[in-house]
Amino acid sequence: MLISSAYAQTAPAAAAGGDLMSSLQGMLPLVLMFVVLYFVMIRPQMKRQKEHKAMIEALAKGDEIATAGGLLGKVTKLADATVTIEISAGVEVQLQRQAVVQVLPKGSI
């Protein structure tokens, strides 16, 4: 007819070291992808977290700050987990220290 018969060939015996090398070559792209991911995403994020923690620990009375909610104010009181800021004359707000995102230069408010 139109289709000829196809016969399967027997596979040659693989060398014992060949299996190990082929599995290592298969894992190489995965390892390289993880290394790139570490240097592009994980490492910079850890650096930002470290800088933010140092900034929060260095807060002092009189610092002018910006919060995650967009409030700008001057630090009036500090506690272990909270900070009290004056956002207007006579108006004070108590926030968690983690809500502080930036210490502003003096005189910016």
PDB file of N, CA and C in Angstrom:
ATOM      1  N   MET A   1       0.817  -1.174   0.000  1.00  0.00           N
ATOM      2  CA  MET A   1       0.000   0.000   0.000  1.00  0.00           C
ATOM      3  C   MET A   1       0.874   1.256   0.000  1.00  0.00           C
ATOM      4  N   LEU A   2       0.323   2.357   0.554  1.00  0.00           N
ATOM      5  CA  LEU A   2       1.057   3.619   0.533  1.00  0.00           C
ATOM      6  C   LEU A   2       2.017   3.780   1.713  1.00  0.00           C
ATOM      7  N   ILE A   3       1.738   3.095   2.811  1.00  0.00           N
ATOM      8  CA  ILE A   3       2.572   3.240   4.006  1.00  0.00           C
ATOM      9  C   ILE A   3       3.441   2.004   4.137  1.00  0.00           C
ATOM     10  N   SER A   4       4.742   2.243   4.264  1.00  0.00           N
ATOM     11  CA  SER A   4       5.640   1.103   4.424  1.00  0.00           C
ATOM     12  C   SER A   4       5.753   0.743   5.899  1.00  0.00           C
ATOM     13  N   SER A   5       6.153  -0.444   6.165  1.00  0.00           N
ATOM     14  CA  SER A   5       6.290  -0.910   7.539  1.00  0.00           C
ATOM     15  C   SER A   5       7.544  -0.297   8.165  1.00  0.00           C
ATOM     16  N   ALA A   6       7.446   0.075   9.440  1.00  0.00           N
ATOM     17  CA  ALA A   6       8.587   0.623  10.169  1.00  0.00           C
ATOM     18  C   ALA A   6       8.959  -0.342  11.272  1.00  0.00           C
ATOM     19  N   TYR A   7      10.229  -0.593  11.415  1.00  0.00           N
ATOM     20  CA  TYR A   7      10.711  -1.521  12.413  1.00  0.00           C
ATOM     21  C   TYR A   7      11.573  -0.745  13.415  1.00  0.00           C
ATOM     22  N   ALA A   8      11.357  -0.995  14.704  1.00  0.00           N
ATOM     23  CA  ALA A   8      12.121  -0.313  15.750  1.00  0.00           C
ATOM     24  C   ALA A   8      13.493  -0.925  15.865  1.00  0.00           C
ATOM     25  N   GLN A   9      14.467  -0.091  16.118  1.00  0.00           N
ATOM     26  CA  GLN A   9      15.816  -0.578  16.333  1.00  0.00           C
ATOM     27  C   GLN A   9      16.042  -0.721  17.829  1.00  0.00           C
ATOM     28  N   THR A  10      16.881  -1.590  18.204  1.00  0.00           N
ATOM     29  CA  THR A  10      17.221  -1.721  19.620  1.00  0.00           C
ATOM     30  C   THR A  10      18.175  -0.601  19.986  1.00  0.00           C
ATOM     31  N   ALA A  11      17.979  -0.045  21.181  1.00  0.00           N
ATOM     32  CA  ALA A  11      18.820   1.057  21.640  1.00  0.00           C
ATOM     33  C   ALA A  11      20.174   0.529  22.056  1.00  0.00           C
ATOM     34  N   PRO A  12      21.238   1.278  21.735  1.00  0.00           N
ATOM     35  CA  PRO A  12      22.568   0.829  22.166  1.00  0.00           C
ATOM     36  C   PRO A  12      22.695   0.972  23.680  1.00  0.00           C
ATOM     37  N   ALA A  13      23.490   0.154  24.278  1.00  0.00           N
ATOM     38  CA  ALA A  13      23.693   0.197  25.728  1.00  0.00           C
ATOM     39  C   ALA A  13      24.396   1.492  26.095  1.00  0.00           C
ATOM     40  N   ALA A  14      23.856   2.219  27.100  1.00  0.00           N
ATOM     41  CA  ALA A  14      24.427   3.494  27.527  1.00  0.00           C
ATOM     42  C   ALA A  14      25.561   3.248  28.496  1.00  0.00           C
ATOM     43  N   ALA A  15      26.537   4.125  28.435  1.00  0.00           N
ATOM     44  CA  ALA A  15      27.656   4.038  29.367  1.00  0.00           C
ATOM     45  C   ALA A  15      27.185   4.465  30.746  1.00  0.00           C
ATOM     46  N   ALA A  16      27.804   3.937  31.791  1.00  0.00           N
ATOM     47  CA  ALA A  16      27.385   4.232  33.161  1.00  0.00           C
ATOM     48  C   ALA A  16      27.557   5.711  33.489  1.00  0.00           C
ATOM     49  N   GLY A  17      28.595   6.366  33.016  1.00  0.00           N
ATOM     50  CA  GLY A  17      28.837   7.780  33.292  1.00  0.00           C
ATOM     51  C   GLY A  17      27.956   8.687  32.467  1.00  0.00           C
ATOM     52  N   GLY A  18      27.413   8.217  31.406  1.00  0.00           N
ATOM     53  CA  GLY A  18      26.581   9.029  30.528  1.00  0.00           C
ATOM     54  C   GLY A  18      25.282   9.469  31.195  1.00  0.00           C
ATOM     55  N   ASP A  19      24.699   8.624  32.009  1.00  0.00           N
ATOM     56  CA  ASP A  19      23.466   8.974  32.704  1.00  0.00           C
ATOM     57  C   ASP A  19      23.694  10.123  33.686  1.00  0.00           C
ATOM     58  N   LEU A  20      24.797  10.074  34.373  1.00  0.00           N
ATOM     59  CA  LEU A  20      25.111  11.130  35.337  1.00  0.00           C
ATOM     60  C   LEU A  20      25.330  12.461  34.626  1.00  0.00           C
ATOM     61  N   MET A  21      26.060  12.452  33.544  1.00  0.00           N
ATOM     62  CA  MET A  21      26.320  13.693  32.815  1.00  0.00           C
ATOM     63  C   MET A  21      25.052  14.276  32.214  1.00  0.00           C
ATOM     64  N   SER A  22      24.184  13.434  31.703  1.00  0.00           N
ATOM     65  CA  SER A  22      22.950  13.949  31.108  1.00  0.00           C
ATOM     66  C   SER A  22      22.032  14.529  32.181  1.00  0.00           C
ATOM     67  N   SER A  23      22.026  13.937  33.382  1.00  0.00           N
ATOM     68  CA  SER A  23      21.184  14.490  34.445  1.00  0.00           C
ATOM     69  C   SER A  23      21.759  15.819  34.951  1.00  0.00           C
ATOM     70  N   LEU A  24      23.083  15.939  34.993  1.00  0.00           N
ATOM     71  CA  LEU A  24      23.697  17.208  35.403  1.00  0.00           C
ATOM     72  C   LEU A  24      23.439  18.295  34.370  1.00  0.00           C
ATOM     73  N   GLN A  25      23.486  17.947  33.105  1.00  0.00           N
ATOM     74  CA  GLN A  25      23.203  18.919  32.048  1.00  0.00           C
ATOM     75  C   GLN A  25      21.744  19.346  32.081  1.00  0.00           C
ATOM     76  N   GLY A  26      20.862  18.472  32.512  1.00  0.00           N
ATOM     77  CA  GLY A  26      19.450  18.815  32.635  1.00  0.00           C
ATOM     78  C   GLY A  26      19.197  19.757  33.806  1.00  0.00           C
ATOM     79  N   MET A  27      20.015  19.663  34.868  1.00  0.00           N
ATOM     80  CA  MET A  27      19.832  20.508  36.044  1.00  0.00           C
ATOM     81  C   MET A  27      20.536  21.855  35.910  1.00  0.00           C
ATOM     82  N   LEU A  28      21.473  21.974  35.013  1.00  0.00           N
ATOM     83  CA  LEU A  28      22.259  23.200  34.867  1.00  0.00           C
ATOM     84  C   LEU A  28      21.391  24.435  34.614  1.00  0.00           C
ATOM     85  N   PRO A  29      20.408  24.404  33.720  1.00  0.00           N
ATOM     86  CA  PRO A  29      19.570  25.600  33.532  1.00  0.00           C
ATOM     87  C   PRO A  29      18.790  25.983  34.793  1.00  0.00           C
ATOM     88  N   LEU A  30      18.354  24.990  35.539  1.00  0.00           N
ATOM     89  CA  LEU A  30      17.624  25.258  36.781  1.00  0.00           C
ATOM     90  C   LEU A  30      18.528  25.939  37.806  1.00  0.00           C
ATOM     91  N   VAL A  31      19.741  25.465  37.945  1.00  0.00           N
ATOM     92  CA  VAL A  31      20.701  26.062  38.881  1.00  0.00           C
ATOM     93  C   VAL A  31      21.046  27.483  38.449  1.00  0.00           C
ATOM     94  N   LEU A  32      21.283  27.679  37.165  1.00  0.00           N
ATOM     95  CA  LEU A  32      21.602  29.020  36.660  1.00  0.00           C
ATOM     96  C   LEU A  32      20.430  29.981  36.869  1.00  0.00           C
ATOM     97  N   MET A  33      19.219  29.493  36.679  1.00  0.00           N
ATOM     98  CA  MET A  33      18.042  30.330  36.879  1.00  0.00           C
ATOM     99  C   MET A  33      17.921  30.748  38.352  1.00  0.00           C
ATOM    100  N   PHE A  34      18.207  29.839  39.283  1.00  0.00           N
ATOM    101  CA  PHE A  34      18.160  30.178  40.701  1.00  0.00           C
ATOM    102  C   PHE A  34      19.228  31.203  41.063  1.00  0.00           C
ATOM    103  N   VAL A  35      20.426  31.071  40.504  1.00  0.00           N
ATOM    104  CA  VAL A  35      21.505  32.028  40.783  1.00  0.00           C
ATOM    105  C   VAL A  35      21.122  33.419  40.290  1.00  0.00           C
ATOM    106  N   VAL A  36      20.578  33.501  39.096  1.00  0.00           N
ATOM    107  CA  VAL A  36      20.148  34.795  38.551  1.00  0.00           C
ATOM    108  C   VAL A  36      19.025  35.371  39.403  1.00  0.00           C
ATOM    109  N   LEU A  37      18.064  34.540  39.795  1.00  0.00           N
ATOM    110  CA  LEU A  37      16.958  34.982  40.642  1.00  0.00           C
ATOM    111  C   LEU A  37      17.473  35.541  41.964  1.00  0.00           C
ATOM    112  N   TYR A  38      18.472  34.884  42.544  1.00  0.00           N
ATOM    113  CA  TYR A  38      19.041  35.347  43.807  1.00  0.00           C
ATOM    114  C   TYR A  38      19.640  36.743  43.666  1.00  0.00           C
ATOM    115  N   PHE A  39      20.445  36.955  42.624  1.00  0.00           N
ATOM    116  CA  PHE A  39      21.119  38.245  42.471  1.00  0.00           C
ATOM    117  C   PHE A  39      20.192  39.349  41.975  1.00  0.00           C
ATOM    118  N   VAL A  40      19.122  39.004  41.280  1.00  0.00           N
ATOM    119  CA  VAL A  40      18.227  40.020  40.743  1.00  0.00           C
ATOM    120  C   VAL A  40      17.109  40.381  41.715  1.00  0.00           C
ATOM    121  N   MET A  41      16.600  39.411  42.480  1.00  0.00           N
ATOM    122  CA  MET A  41      15.436  39.683  43.324  1.00  0.00           C
ATOM    123  C   MET A  41      15.693  39.520  44.820  1.00  0.00           C
ATOM    124  N   ILE A  42      16.250  38.401  45.233  1.00  0.00           N
ATOM    125  CA  ILE A  42      16.340  38.085  46.658  1.00  0.00           C
ATOM    126  C   ILE A  42      17.356  38.968  47.367  1.00  0.00           C
ATOM    127  N   ARG A  43      18.551  39.095  46.825  1.00  0.00           N
ATOM    128  CA  ARG A  43      19.606  39.876  47.471  1.00  0.00           C
ATOM    129  C   ARG A  43      19.247  41.358  47.624  1.00  0.00           C
ATOM    130  N   PRO A  44      18.723  42.035  46.583  1.00  0.00           N
ATOM    131  CA  PRO A  44      18.344  43.441  46.764  1.00  0.00           C
ATOM    132  C   PRO A  44      17.226  43.622  47.788  1.00  0.00           C
ATOM    133  N   GLN A  45      16.277  42.677  47.864  1.00  0.00           N
ATOM    134  CA  GLN A  45      15.200  42.776  48.840  1.00  0.00           C
ATOM    135  C   GLN A  45      15.745  42.650  50.257  1.00  0.00           C
ATOM    136  N   MET A  46      16.681  41.740  50.478  1.00  0.00           N
ATOM    137  CA  MET A  46      17.283  41.594  51.808  1.00  0.00           C
ATOM    138  C   MET A  46      18.052  42.862  52.181  1.00  0.00           C
ATOM    139  N   LYS A  47      18.708  43.475  51.210  1.00  0.00           N
ATOM    140  CA  LYS A  47      19.449  44.714  51.464  1.00  0.00           C
ATOM    141  C   LYS A  47      18.496  45.835  51.864  1.00  0.00           C
ATOM    142  N   ARG A  48      17.349  45.956  51.146  1.00  0.00           N
ATOM    143  CA  ARG A  48      16.353  46.984  51.494  1.00  0.00           C
ATOM    144  C   ARG A  48      15.781  46.760  52.885  1.00  0.00           C
ATOM    145  N   GLN A  49      15.512  45.507  53.249  1.00  0.00           N
ATOM    146  CA  GLN A  49      14.993  45.206  54.582  1.00  0.00           C
ATOM    147  C   GLN A  49      15.998  45.585  55.662  1.00  0.00           C
ATOM    148  N   LYS A  50      17.254  45.316  55.411  1.00  0.00           N
ATOM    149  CA  LYS A  50      18.311  45.646  56.373  1.00  0.00           C
ATOM    150  C   LYS A  50      18.429  47.165  56.550  1.00  0.00           C
ATOM    151  N   GLU A  51      18.364  47.909  55.440  1.00  0.00           N
ATOM    152  CA  GLU A  51      18.436  49.370  55.515  1.00  0.00           C
ATOM    153  C   GLU A  51      17.222  49.944  56.253  1.00  0.00           C
ATOM    154  N   HIS A  52      16.027  49.391  56.006  1.00  0.00           N
ATOM    155  CA  HIS A  52      14.811  49.874  56.657  1.00  0.00           C
ATOM    156  C   HIS A  52      14.880  49.629  58.161  1.00  0.00           C
ATOM    157  N   LYS A  53      15.367  48.458  58.550  1.00  0.00           N
ATOM    158  CA  LYS A  53      15.494  48.140  59.975  1.00  0.00           C
ATOM    159  C   LYS A  53      16.476  49.097  60.653  1.00  0.00           C
ATOM    160  N   ALA A  54      17.589  49.392  59.995  1.00  0.00           N
ATOM    161  CA  ALA A  54      18.572  50.327  60.560  1.00  0.00           C
ATOM    162  C   ALA A  54      17.985  51.726  60.676  1.00  0.00           C
ATOM    163  N   MET A  55      17.178  52.155  59.684  1.00  0.00           N
ATOM    164  CA  MET A  55      16.557  53.475  59.724  1.00  0.00           C
ATOM    165  C   MET A  55      15.564  53.561  60.883  1.00  0.00           C
ATOM    166  N   ILE A  56      14.782  52.525  61.089  1.00  0.00           N
ATOM    167  CA  ILE A  56      13.785  52.534  62.166  1.00  0.00           C
ATOM    168  C   ILE A  56      14.459  52.547  63.536  1.00  0.00           C
ATOM    169  N   GLU A  57      15.537  51.793  63.664  1.00  0.00           N
ATOM    170  CA  GLU A  57      16.257  51.770  64.941  1.00  0.00           C
ATOM    171  C   GLU A  57      16.949  53.097  65.229  1.00  0.00           C
ATOM    172  N   ALA A  58      17.277  53.864  64.190  1.00  0.00           N
ATOM    173  CA  ALA A  58      17.989  55.127  64.363  1.00  0.00           C
ATOM    174  C   ALA A  58      17.049  56.324  64.529  1.00  0.00           C
ATOM    175  N   LEU A  59      15.732  56.089  64.542  1.00  0.00           N
ATOM    176  CA  LEU A  59      14.794  57.210  64.722  1.00  0.00           C
ATOM    177  C   LEU A  59      15.071  57.923  66.043  1.00  0.00           C
ATOM    178  N   ALA A  60      14.963  59.239  66.017  1.00  0.00           N
ATOM    179  CA  ALA A  60      15.189  60.030  67.216  1.00  0.00           C
ATOM    180  C   ALA A  60      14.113  61.108  67.307  1.00  0.00           C
ATOM    181  N   LYS A  61      13.925  61.615  68.505  1.00  0.00           N
ATOM    182  CA  LYS A  61      12.958  62.681  68.722  1.00  0.00           C
ATOM    183  C   LYS A  61      13.374  63.901  67.910  1.00  0.00           C
ATOM    184  N   GLY A  62      12.414  64.483  67.191  1.00  0.00           N
ATOM    185  CA  GLY A  62      12.690  65.651  66.369  1.00  0.00           C
ATOM    186  C   GLY A  62      12.900  65.335  64.895  1.00  0.00           C
ATOM    187  N   ASP A  63      13.047  64.044  64.552  1.00  0.00           N
ATOM    188  CA  ASP A  63      13.191  63.664  63.137  1.00  0.00           C
ATOM    189  C   ASP A  63      11.888  63.926  62.392  1.00  0.00           C
ATOM    190  N   GLU A  64      12.007  64.342  61.157  1.00  0.00           N
ATOM    191  CA  GLU A  64      10.837  64.521  60.300  1.00  0.00           C
ATOM    192  C   GLU A  64      10.722  63.289  59.416  1.00  0.00           C
ATOM    193  N   ILE A  65       9.520  62.690  59.382  1.00  0.00           N
ATOM    194  CA  ILE A  65       9.358  61.406  58.712  1.00  0.00           C
ATOM    195  C   ILE A  65       8.154  61.400  57.772  1.00  0.00           C
ATOM    196  N   ALA A  66       8.150  60.424  56.881  1.00  0.00           N
ATOM    197  CA  ALA A  66       7.001  60.125  56.034  1.00  0.00           C
ATOM    198  C   ALA A  66       6.564  58.708  56.373  1.00  0.00           C
ATOM    199  N   THR A  67       5.254  58.478  56.421  1.00  0.00           N
ATOM    200  CA  THR A  67       4.729  57.165  56.780  1.00  0.00           C
ATOM    201  C   THR A  67       4.196  56.451  55.540  1.00  0.00           C
ATOM    202  N   ALA A  68       3.886  55.168  55.712  1.00  0.00           N
ATOM    203  CA  ALA A  68       3.338  54.360  54.615  1.00  0.00           C
ATOM    204  C   ALA A  68       1.977  54.892  54.181  1.00  0.00           C
ATOM    205  N   GLY A  69       1.235  55.526  55.080  1.00  0.00           N
ATOM    206  CA  GLY A  69      -0.074  56.086  54.750  1.00  0.00           C
ATOM    207  C   GLY A  69      -0.002  57.465  54.123  1.00  0.00           C
ATOM    208  N   GLY A  70       1.196  58.023  54.001  1.00  0.00           N
ATOM    209  CA  GLY A  70       1.354  59.319  53.370  1.00  0.00           C
ATOM    210  C   GLY A  70       1.392  60.488  54.339  1.00  0.00           C
ATOM    211  N   LEU A  71       1.367  60.211  55.644  1.00  0.00           N
ATOM    212  CA  LEU A  71       1.444  61.297  56.629  1.00  0.00           C
ATOM    213  C   LEU A  71       2.881  61.792  56.748  1.00  0.00           C
ATOM    214  N   LEU A  72       3.019  63.099  56.894  1.00  0.00           N
ATOM    215  CA  LEU A  72       4.312  63.715  57.161  1.00  0.00           C
ATOM    216  C   LEU A  72       4.238  64.328  58.540  1.00  0.00           C
ATOM    217  N   GLY A  73       5.266  64.142  59.341  1.00  0.00           N
ATOM    218  CA  GLY A  73       5.235  64.710  60.675  1.00  0.00           C
ATOM    219  C   GLY A  73       6.589  64.657  61.349  1.00  0.00           C
ATOM    220  N   LYS A  74       6.606  65.221  62.552  1.00  0.00           N
ATOM    221  CA  LYS A  74       7.831  65.288  63.348  1.00  0.00           C
ATOM    222  C   LYS A  74       7.672  64.349  64.543  1.00  0.00           C
ATOM    223  N   VAL A  75       8.684  63.549  64.811  1.00  0.00           N
ATOM    224  CA  VAL A  75       8.658  62.583  65.909  1.00  0.00           C
ATOM    225  C   VAL A  75       8.670  63.337  67.232  1.00  0.00           C
ATOM    226  N   THR A  76       7.685  63.024  68.108  1.00  0.00           N
ATOM    227  CA  THR A  76       7.637  63.650  69.426  1.00  0.00           C
ATOM    228  C   THR A  76       7.923  62.658  70.544  1.00  0.00           C
ATOM    229  N   LYS A  77       7.530  61.399  70.363  1.00  0.00           N
ATOM    230  CA  LYS A  77       7.772  60.368  71.386  1.00  0.00           C
ATOM    231  C   LYS A  77       8.137  59.069  70.693  1.00  0.00           C
ATOM    232  N   LEU A  78       9.015  58.310  71.350  1.00  0.00           N
ATOM    233  CA  LEU A  78       9.407  57.001  70.839  1.00  0.00           C
ATOM    234  C   LEU A  78       9.157  55.945  71.902  1.00  0.00           C
ATOM    235  N   ALA A  79       8.616  54.814  71.494  1.00  0.00           N
ATOM    236  CA  ALA A  79       8.452  53.656  72.368  1.00  0.00           C
ATOM    237  C   ALA A  79       9.077  52.461  71.662  1.00  0.00           C
ATOM    238  N   ASP A  80       9.009  51.291  72.282  1.00  0.00           N
ATOM    239  CA  ASP A  80       9.627  50.105  71.681  1.00  0.00           C
ATOM    240  C   ASP A  80       9.039  49.781  70.309  1.00  0.00           C
ATOM    241  N   ALA A  81       7.719  49.741  70.212  1.00  0.00           N
ATOM    242  CA  ALA A  81       7.074  49.330  68.960  1.00  0.00           C
ATOM    243  C   ALA A  81       6.325  50.465  68.277  1.00  0.00           C
ATOM    244  N   THR A  82       6.201  51.616  68.939  1.00  0.00           N
ATOM    245  CA  THR A  82       5.418  52.714  68.375  1.00  0.00           C
ATOM    246  C   THR A  82       6.217  54.007  68.337  1.00  0.00           C
ATOM    247  N   VAL A  83       5.710  54.921  67.548  1.00  0.00           N
ATOM    248  CA  VAL A  83       6.285  56.259  67.451  1.00  0.00           C
ATOM    249  C   VAL A  83       5.113  57.242  67.401  1.00  0.00           C
ATOM    250  N   THR A  84       5.232  58.342  68.102  1.00  0.00           N
ATOM    251  CA  THR A  84       4.205  59.376  68.084  1.00  0.00           C
ATOM    252  C   THR A  84       4.740  60.542  67.277  1.00  0.00           C
ATOM    253  N   ILE A  85       3.935  60.965  66.291  1.00  0.00           N
ATOM    254  CA  ILE A  85       4.369  62.080  65.459  1.00  0.00           C
ATOM    255  C   ILE A  85       3.355  63.208  65.542  1.00  0.00           C
ATOM    256  N   GLU A  86       3.856  64.419  65.403  1.00  0.00           N
ATOM    257  CA  GLU A  86       3.004  65.605  65.362  1.00  0.00           C
ATOM    258  C   GLU A  86       2.818  65.963  63.894  1.00  0.00           C
ATOM    259  N   ILE A  87       1.569  65.867  63.427  1.00  0.00           N
ATOM    260  CA  ILE A  87       1.301  66.141  62.014  1.00  0.00           C
ATOM    261  C   ILE A  87       0.833  67.570  61.784  1.00  0.00           C
ATOM    262  N   SER A  88       0.404  68.216  62.853  1.00  0.00           N
ATOM    263  CA  SER A  88      -0.013  69.612  62.807  1.00  0.00           C
ATOM    264  C   SER A  88       0.135  70.157  64.218  1.00  0.00           C
ATOM    265  N   ALA A  89       0.035  71.443  64.380  1.00  0.00           N
ATOM    266  CA  ALA A  89       0.188  72.042  65.704  1.00  0.00           C
ATOM    267  C   ALA A  89      -0.868  71.470  66.652  1.00  0.00           C
ATOM    268  N   GLY A  90      -0.440  70.743  67.661  1.00  0.00           N
ATOM    269  CA  GLY A  90      -1.341  70.178  68.656  1.00  0.00           C
ATOM    270  C   GLY A  90      -2.006  68.872  68.250  1.00  0.00           C
ATOM    271  N   VAL A  91      -1.716  68.348  67.063  1.00  0.00           N
ATOM    272  CA  VAL A  91      -2.317  67.093  66.604  1.00  0.00           C
ATOM    273  C   VAL A  91      -1.227  66.028  66.545  1.00  0.00           C
ATOM    274  N   GLU A  92      -1.339  65.026  67.433  1.00  0.00           N
ATOM    275  CA  GLU A  92      -0.355  63.952  67.474  1.00  0.00           C
ATOM    276  C   GLU A  92      -1.020  62.628  67.124  1.00  0.00           C
ATOM    277  N   VAL A  93      -0.284  61.796  66.414  1.00  0.00           N
ATOM    278  CA  VAL A  93      -0.772  60.491  65.986  1.00  0.00           C
ATOM    279  C   VAL A  93       0.258  59.450  66.407  1.00  0.00           C
ATOM    280  N   GLN A  94      -0.259  58.324  66.917  1.00  0.00           N
ATOM    281  CA  GLN A  94       0.626  57.243  67.315  1.00  0.00           C
ATOM    282  C   GLN A  94       0.599  56.159  66.237  1.00  0.00           C
ATOM    283  N   LEU A  95       1.774  55.739  65.781  1.00  0.00           N
ATOM    284  CA  LEU A  95       1.905  54.758  64.700  1.00  0.00           C
ATOM    285  C   LEU A  95       2.865  53.651  65.103  1.00  0.00           C
ATOM    286  N   GLN A  96       2.780  52.534  64.398  1.00  0.00           N
ATOM    287  CA  GLN A  96       3.782  51.495  64.561  1.00  0.00           C
ATOM    288  C   GLN A  96       5.065  51.952  63.876  1.00  0.00           C
ATOM    289  N   ARG A  97       6.193  51.550  64.434  1.00  0.00           N
ATOM    290  CA  ARG A  97       7.473  51.955  63.852  1.00  0.00           C
ATOM    291  C   ARG A  97       7.621  51.468  62.410  1.00  0.00           C
ATOM    292  N   GLN A  98       7.044  50.304  62.104  1.00  0.00           N
ATOM    293  CA  GLN A  98       7.161  49.738  60.760  1.00  0.00           C
ATOM    294  C   GLN A  98       6.468  50.590  59.703  1.00  0.00           C
ATOM    295  N   ALA A  99       5.567  51.502  60.120  1.00  0.00           N
ATOM    296  CA  ALA A  99       4.849  52.354  59.172  1.00  0.00           C
ATOM    297  C   ALA A  99       5.718  53.492  58.649  1.00  0.00           C
ATOM    298  N   VAL A 100       6.852  53.731  59.276  1.00  0.00           N
ATOM    299  CA  VAL A 100       7.759  54.792  58.822  1.00  0.00           C
ATOM    300  C   VAL A 100       8.515  54.280  57.597  1.00  0.00           C
ATOM    301  N   VAL A 101       8.426  55.022  56.497  1.00  0.00           N
ATOM    302  CA  VAL A 101       9.095  54.586  55.278  1.00  0.00           C
ATOM    303  C   VAL A 101      10.280  55.469  54.911  1.00  0.00           C
ATOM    304  N   GLN A 102      10.348  56.682  55.463  1.00  0.00           N
ATOM    305  CA  GLN A 102      11.434  57.579  55.077  1.00  0.00           C
ATOM    306  C   GLN A 102      11.670  58.616  56.155  1.00  0.00           C
ATOM    307  N   VAL A 103      12.922  58.906  56.416  1.00  0.00           N
ATOM    308  CA  VAL A 103      13.285  60.028  57.272  1.00  0.00           C
ATOM    309  C   VAL A 103      13.630  61.172  56.340  1.00  0.00           C
ATOM    310  N   LEU A 104      12.920  62.283  56.513  1.00  0.00           N
ATOM    311  CA  LEU A 104      13.079  63.428  55.628  1.00  0.00           C
ATOM    312  C   LEU A 104      14.203  64.342  56.127  1.00  0.00           C
ATOM    313  N   PRO A 105      14.777  65.142  55.243  1.00  0.00           N
ATOM    314  CA  PRO A 105      15.790  66.106  55.687  1.00  0.00           C
ATOM    315  C   PRO A 105      15.151  67.153  56.618  1.00  0.00           C
ATOM    316  N   LYS A 106      15.937  67.663  57.532  1.00  0.00           N
ATOM    317  CA  LYS A 106      15.435  68.665  58.485  1.00  0.00           C
ATOM    318  C   LYS A 106      14.920  69.881  57.742  1.00  0.00           C
ATOM    319  N   GLY A 107      13.781  70.404  58.206  1.00  0.00           N
ATOM    320  CA  GLY A 107      13.180  71.611  57.614  1.00  0.00           C
ATOM    321  C   GLY A 107      12.345  71.354  56.374  1.00  0.00           C
ATOM    322  N   SER A 108      12.082  70.116  56.042  1.00  0.00           N
ATOM    323  CA  SER A 108      11.286  69.841  54.838  1.00  0.00           C
ATOM    324  C   SER A 108       9.782  69.923  55.083  1.00  0.00           C
ATOM    325  N   ILE A 109       9.384  69.931  56.338  1.00  0.00           N
ATOM    326  CA  ILE A 109       7.946  70.045  56.651  1.00  0.00           C
ATOM    327  C   ILE A 109       7.654  71.478  57.054  1.00  0.00           C
TER     328      ILE A 109
END
